[in-house]
Amino acid sequence: MTTSQKHKDFICKPMVDKAVETLPGIGKVLGGRLRANGYGKVKNVENQFLLLGKDAAAFRQWLRDTCGANTKQSGDCYKCLYELCNLCCGNIQKRYIP
């Protein structure tokens, strides 16, 4: 599987208050649904990812339930957050979870 340009751009740029639509797999429609449920920023979705223990099945199901993401969309989003978390050597939890 190749990494999308959106994925590469997301990983390479600082995360300061990124909109949820910048996540791979999340476009305008899913982003709007996430915003409506209180997840308008990447950090909000990332927090949920961490609260679910970085578990692929749980996170992908949460995305399906919360915004209607399909298998590919939820997989792209999970892959990106997982990679981001690994790049940050686990320090990502310290930034967002009290």
N, C-alpha and C. Protein backbone atom coordinates (compact mmCIF):
# COMPACT_ATOMS: atom_id res chain seq x y z
N MET A 1 0.85 -1.18 0.00
CA MET A 1 0.00 0.00 0.00
C MET A 1 0.89 1.24 0.00
N THR A 2 0.58 2.17 -0.84
CA THR A 2 1.37 3.39 -0.90
C THR A 2 0.80 4.43 0.06
N THR A 3 1.66 5.30 0.48
CA THR A 3 1.24 6.37 1.37
C THR A 3 0.76 7.54 0.53
N SER A 4 -0.40 8.06 0.86
CA SER A 4 -0.97 9.16 0.09
C SER A 4 -0.20 10.46 0.35
N GLN A 5 -0.34 11.39 -0.58
CA GLN A 5 0.29 12.70 -0.42
C GLN A 5 -0.27 13.41 0.81
N LYS A 6 -1.56 13.25 1.07
CA LYS A 6 -2.17 13.87 2.24
C LYS A 6 -1.52 13.34 3.51
N HIS A 7 -1.26 12.04 3.53
CA HIS A 7 -0.60 11.41 4.68
C HIS A 7 0.80 11.99 4.86
N LYS A 8 1.56 12.06 3.79
CA LYS A 8 2.93 12.60 3.85
C LYS A 8 2.92 14.05 4.34
N ASP A 9 2.02 14.84 3.79
CA ASP A 9 1.92 16.25 4.20
C ASP A 9 1.56 16.38 5.67
N PHE A 10 0.65 15.55 6.12
CA PHE A 10 0.20 15.60 7.50
C PHE A 10 1.35 15.29 8.46
N ILE A 11 2.08 14.24 8.17
CA ILE A 11 3.17 13.80 9.05
C ILE A 11 4.31 14.83 9.08
N CYS A 12 4.57 15.48 7.96
CA CYS A 12 5.72 16.38 7.84
C CYS A 12 5.49 17.77 8.40
N LYS A 13 4.25 18.17 8.59
CA LYS A 13 3.97 19.54 9.04
C LYS A 13 3.60 19.56 10.52
N PRO A 14 3.90 20.67 11.20
CA PRO A 14 3.53 20.78 12.61
C PRO A 14 2.03 20.62 12.81
N MET A 15 1.65 20.10 13.95
CA MET A 15 0.25 19.77 14.18
C MET A 15 -0.54 20.89 14.87
N VAL A 16 0.04 21.99 15.13
CA VAL A 16 -0.61 23.06 15.87
C VAL A 16 -2.00 23.37 15.32
N ASP A 17 -3.00 23.01 16.08
CA ASP A 17 -4.41 23.30 15.76
C ASP A 17 -4.84 22.94 14.34
N LYS A 18 -4.37 21.83 13.83
CA LYS A 18 -4.80 21.39 12.50
C LYS A 18 -6.28 21.03 12.53
N ALA A 19 -6.97 21.39 11.46
CA ALA A 19 -8.37 21.03 11.31
C ALA A 19 -8.48 19.53 11.07
N VAL A 20 -9.56 18.95 11.52
CA VAL A 20 -9.76 17.50 11.41
C VAL A 20 -9.72 17.03 9.95
N GLU A 21 -10.09 17.90 9.02
CA GLU A 21 -10.09 17.53 7.60
C GLU A 21 -8.69 17.29 7.05
N THR A 22 -7.66 17.68 7.78
CA THR A 22 -6.30 17.43 7.31
C THR A 22 -5.87 15.99 7.53
N LEU A 23 -6.63 15.25 8.32
CA LEU A 23 -6.31 13.84 8.54
C LEU A 23 -6.59 13.03 7.27
N PRO A 24 -5.68 12.15 6.90
CA PRO A 24 -5.96 11.26 5.77
C PRO A 24 -7.24 10.46 6.03
N GLY A 25 -8.04 10.33 5.01
CA GLY A 25 -9.30 9.60 5.13
C GLY A 25 -10.47 10.47 5.55
N ILE A 26 -10.18 11.68 6.00
CA ILE A 26 -11.23 12.58 6.48
C ILE A 26 -11.32 13.78 5.54
N GLY A 27 -12.43 13.90 4.87
CA GLY A 27 -12.66 15.03 3.97
C GLY A 27 -13.68 15.99 4.56
N LYS A 28 -14.31 16.77 3.69
CA LYS A 28 -15.27 17.78 4.15
C LYS A 28 -16.49 17.16 4.83
N VAL A 29 -17.03 16.12 4.24
CA VAL A 29 -18.26 15.52 4.79
C VAL A 29 -17.99 14.87 6.14
N LEU A 30 -16.99 14.00 6.19
CA LEU A 30 -16.69 13.34 7.47
C LEU A 30 -16.18 14.35 8.49
N GLY A 31 -15.41 15.32 8.02
CA GLY A 31 -14.93 16.37 8.92
C GLY A 31 -16.08 17.15 9.54
N GLY A 32 -17.09 17.44 8.74
CA GLY A 32 -18.27 18.13 9.25
C GLY A 32 -19.00 17.31 10.31
N ARG A 33 -19.08 16.02 10.07
CA ARG A 33 -19.74 15.14 11.05
C ARG A 33 -18.92 15.06 12.34
N LEU A 34 -17.60 14.99 12.20
CA LEU A 34 -16.76 14.96 13.39
C LEU A 34 -16.88 16.27 14.16
N ARG A 35 -16.88 17.39 13.44
CA ARG A 35 -17.04 18.70 14.08
C ARG A 35 -18.36 18.76 14.86
N ALA A 36 -19.42 18.25 14.24
CA ALA A 36 -20.74 18.27 14.87
C ALA A 36 -20.75 17.45 16.16
N ASN A 37 -19.83 16.50 16.27
CA ASN A 37 -19.73 15.66 17.46
C ASN A 37 -18.62 16.12 18.41
N GLY A 38 -18.07 17.31 18.16
CA GLY A 38 -17.08 17.87 19.07
C GLY A 38 -15.64 17.51 18.77
N TYR A 39 -15.37 17.02 17.57
CA TYR A 39 -14.02 16.61 17.18
C TYR A 39 -13.55 17.44 15.99
N GLY A 40 -13.45 18.74 16.15
CA GLY A 40 -13.11 19.63 15.04
C GLY A 40 -11.63 19.78 14.77
N LYS A 41 -10.81 19.35 15.70
CA LYS A 41 -9.36 19.47 15.54
C LYS A 41 -8.72 18.09 15.56
N VAL A 42 -7.57 17.99 14.92
CA VAL A 42 -6.83 16.73 14.91
C VAL A 42 -6.56 16.26 16.33
N LYS A 43 -6.21 17.20 17.21
CA LYS A 43 -5.88 16.80 18.58
C LYS A 43 -7.06 16.13 19.28
N ASN A 44 -8.29 16.49 18.91
CA ASN A 44 -9.47 15.84 19.50
C ASN A 44 -9.57 14.39 19.06
N VAL A 45 -9.33 14.15 17.78
CA VAL A 45 -9.38 12.79 17.24
C VAL A 45 -8.19 11.98 17.78
N GLU A 46 -7.06 12.64 17.86
CA GLU A 46 -5.86 11.98 18.39
C GLU A 46 -6.07 11.56 19.85
N ASN A 47 -6.71 12.41 20.62
CA ASN A 47 -7.01 12.06 22.01
C ASN A 47 -7.86 10.79 22.07
N GLN A 48 -8.86 10.71 21.20
CA GLN A 48 -9.73 9.53 21.17
C GLN A 48 -8.92 8.30 20.77
N PHE A 49 -8.03 8.46 19.81
CA PHE A 49 -7.13 7.39 19.37
C PHE A 49 -6.33 6.86 20.56
N LEU A 50 -5.81 7.77 21.36
CA LEU A 50 -5.01 7.37 22.52
C LEU A 50 -5.87 6.78 23.63
N LEU A 51 -7.05 7.35 23.84
CA LEU A 51 -7.95 6.81 24.86
C LEU A 51 -8.38 5.38 24.53
N LEU A 52 -8.44 5.08 23.25
CA LEU A 52 -8.79 3.72 22.81
C LEU A 52 -7.56 2.81 22.76
N GLY A 53 -6.47 3.29 23.31
CA GLY A 53 -5.26 2.47 23.42
C GLY A 53 -4.57 2.19 22.11
N LYS A 54 -4.77 3.05 21.12
CA LYS A 54 -4.18 2.88 19.78
C LYS A 54 -4.62 1.57 19.14
N ASP A 55 -5.75 1.04 19.59
CA ASP A 55 -6.29 -0.21 19.08
C ASP A 55 -6.97 0.04 17.74
N ALA A 56 -6.50 -0.63 16.70
CA ALA A 56 -7.01 -0.40 15.35
C ALA A 56 -8.50 -0.66 15.24
N ALA A 57 -8.94 -1.81 15.71
CA ALA A 57 -10.36 -2.16 15.58
C ALA A 57 -11.25 -1.19 16.34
N ALA A 58 -10.87 -0.85 17.55
CA ALA A 58 -11.69 0.06 18.36
C ALA A 58 -11.73 1.46 17.76
N PHE A 59 -10.59 1.95 17.31
CA PHE A 59 -10.55 3.30 16.73
C PHE A 59 -11.34 3.36 15.42
N ARG A 60 -11.15 2.36 14.58
CA ARG A 60 -11.86 2.36 13.30
C ARG A 60 -13.37 2.24 13.51
N GLN A 61 -13.78 1.46 14.49
CA GLN A 61 -15.21 1.35 14.79
C GLN A 61 -15.74 2.68 15.33
N TRP A 62 -14.96 3.33 16.16
CA TRP A 62 -15.35 4.64 16.69
C TRP A 62 -15.56 5.63 15.53
N LEU A 63 -14.64 5.64 14.57
CA LEU A 63 -14.79 6.54 13.41
C LEU A 63 -16.05 6.20 12.61
N ARG A 64 -16.31 4.92 12.42
CA ARG A 64 -17.53 4.52 11.70
C ARG A 64 -18.77 5.01 12.44
N ASP A 65 -18.78 4.80 13.75
CA ASP A 65 -19.95 5.18 14.55
C ASP A 65 -20.11 6.69 14.66
N THR A 66 -19.01 7.41 14.73
CA THR A 66 -19.05 8.85 14.97
C THR A 66 -19.31 9.67 13.72
N CYS A 67 -18.72 9.24 12.59
CA CYS A 67 -18.88 10.07 11.39
C CYS A 67 -19.23 9.29 10.13
N GLY A 68 -19.37 7.98 10.25
CA GLY A 68 -19.74 7.18 9.09
C GLY A 68 -18.60 6.84 8.16
N ALA A 69 -17.37 6.87 8.67
CA ALA A 69 -16.21 6.54 7.84
C ALA A 69 -16.29 5.10 7.36
N ASN A 70 -15.89 4.88 6.11
CA ASN A 70 -15.87 3.52 5.59
C ASN A 70 -14.54 2.85 5.96
N THR A 71 -14.36 1.63 5.52
CA THR A 71 -13.17 0.86 5.89
C THR A 71 -11.88 1.54 5.43
N LYS A 72 -11.85 2.02 4.21
CA LYS A 72 -10.64 2.68 3.70
C LYS A 72 -10.37 3.98 4.45
N GLN A 73 -11.39 4.78 4.64
CA GLN A 73 -11.23 6.07 5.32
C GLN A 73 -10.73 5.87 6.75
N SER A 74 -11.35 4.96 7.46
CA SER A 74 -10.94 4.73 8.85
C SER A 74 -9.54 4.12 8.91
N GLY A 75 -9.21 3.30 7.94
CA GLY A 75 -7.87 2.71 7.88
C GLY A 75 -6.79 3.74 7.59
N ASP A 76 -7.07 4.65 6.67
CA ASP A 76 -6.12 5.72 6.35
C ASP A 76 -5.88 6.61 7.56
N CYS A 77 -6.94 6.95 8.25
CA CYS A 77 -6.83 7.80 9.42
C CYS A 77 -6.05 7.09 10.53
N TYR A 78 -6.38 5.84 10.78
CA TYR A 78 -5.68 5.07 11.81
C TYR A 78 -4.19 4.97 11.50
N LYS A 79 -3.87 4.63 10.27
CA LYS A 79 -2.47 4.46 9.86
C LYS A 79 -1.67 5.73 10.12
N CYS A 80 -2.25 6.86 9.78
CA CYS A 80 -1.56 8.13 9.95
C CYS A 80 -1.34 8.45 11.43
N LEU A 81 -2.38 8.30 12.24
CA LEU A 81 -2.23 8.59 13.67
C LEU A 81 -1.27 7.62 14.34
N TYR A 82 -1.29 6.38 13.92
CA TYR A 82 -0.37 5.39 14.48
C TYR A 82 1.07 5.76 14.14
N GLU A 83 1.30 6.14 12.89
CA GLU A 83 2.65 6.53 12.48
C GLU A 83 3.09 7.79 13.22
N LEU A 84 2.21 8.75 13.33
CA LEU A 84 2.52 9.99 14.04
C LEU A 84 2.89 9.69 15.49
N CYS A 85 2.13 8.83 16.11
CA CYS A 85 2.38 8.46 17.50
C CYS A 85 3.75 7.79 17.64
N ASN A 86 4.09 6.92 16.72
CA ASN A 86 5.39 6.26 16.76
C ASN A 86 6.53 7.24 16.51
N LEU A 87 6.33 8.21 15.64
CA LEU A 87 7.36 9.22 15.37
C LEU A 87 7.65 10.06 16.60
N CYS A 88 6.63 10.27 17.38
CA CYS A 88 6.78 11.11 18.58
C CYS A 88 7.27 10.30 19.78
N CYS A 89 7.59 9.05 19.56
CA CYS A 89 8.16 8.18 20.61
C CYS A 89 7.31 8.11 21.87
N GLY A 90 6.02 8.15 21.70
CA GLY A 90 5.14 8.03 22.86
C GLY A 90 4.89 9.32 23.60
N ASN A 91 5.61 10.39 23.28
CA ASN A 91 5.43 11.65 23.99
C ASN A 91 4.10 12.31 23.66
N ILE A 92 3.44 11.85 22.64
CA ILE A 92 2.18 12.43 22.22
C ILE A 92 1.13 12.31 23.33
N GLN A 93 1.16 11.23 24.09
CA GLN A 93 0.20 11.07 25.17
C GLN A 93 0.39 12.14 26.23
N LYS A 94 1.60 12.49 26.52
CA LYS A 94 1.88 13.49 27.54
C LYS A 94 1.37 14.87 27.14
N ARG A 95 1.28 15.12 25.83
CA ARG A 95 0.85 16.44 25.38
C ARG A 95 -0.64 16.65 25.52
N TYR A 96 -1.44 15.60 25.38
CA TYR A 96 -2.88 15.81 25.28
C TYR A 96 -3.72 15.14 26.36
N ILE A 97 -3.21 14.15 27.01
CA ILE A 97 -4.02 13.47 28.01
C ILE A 97 -3.55 13.89 29.39
N PRO A 98 -4.44 14.50 30.16
CA PRO A 98 -4.06 14.98 31.50
C PRO A 98 -3.73 13.84 32.44
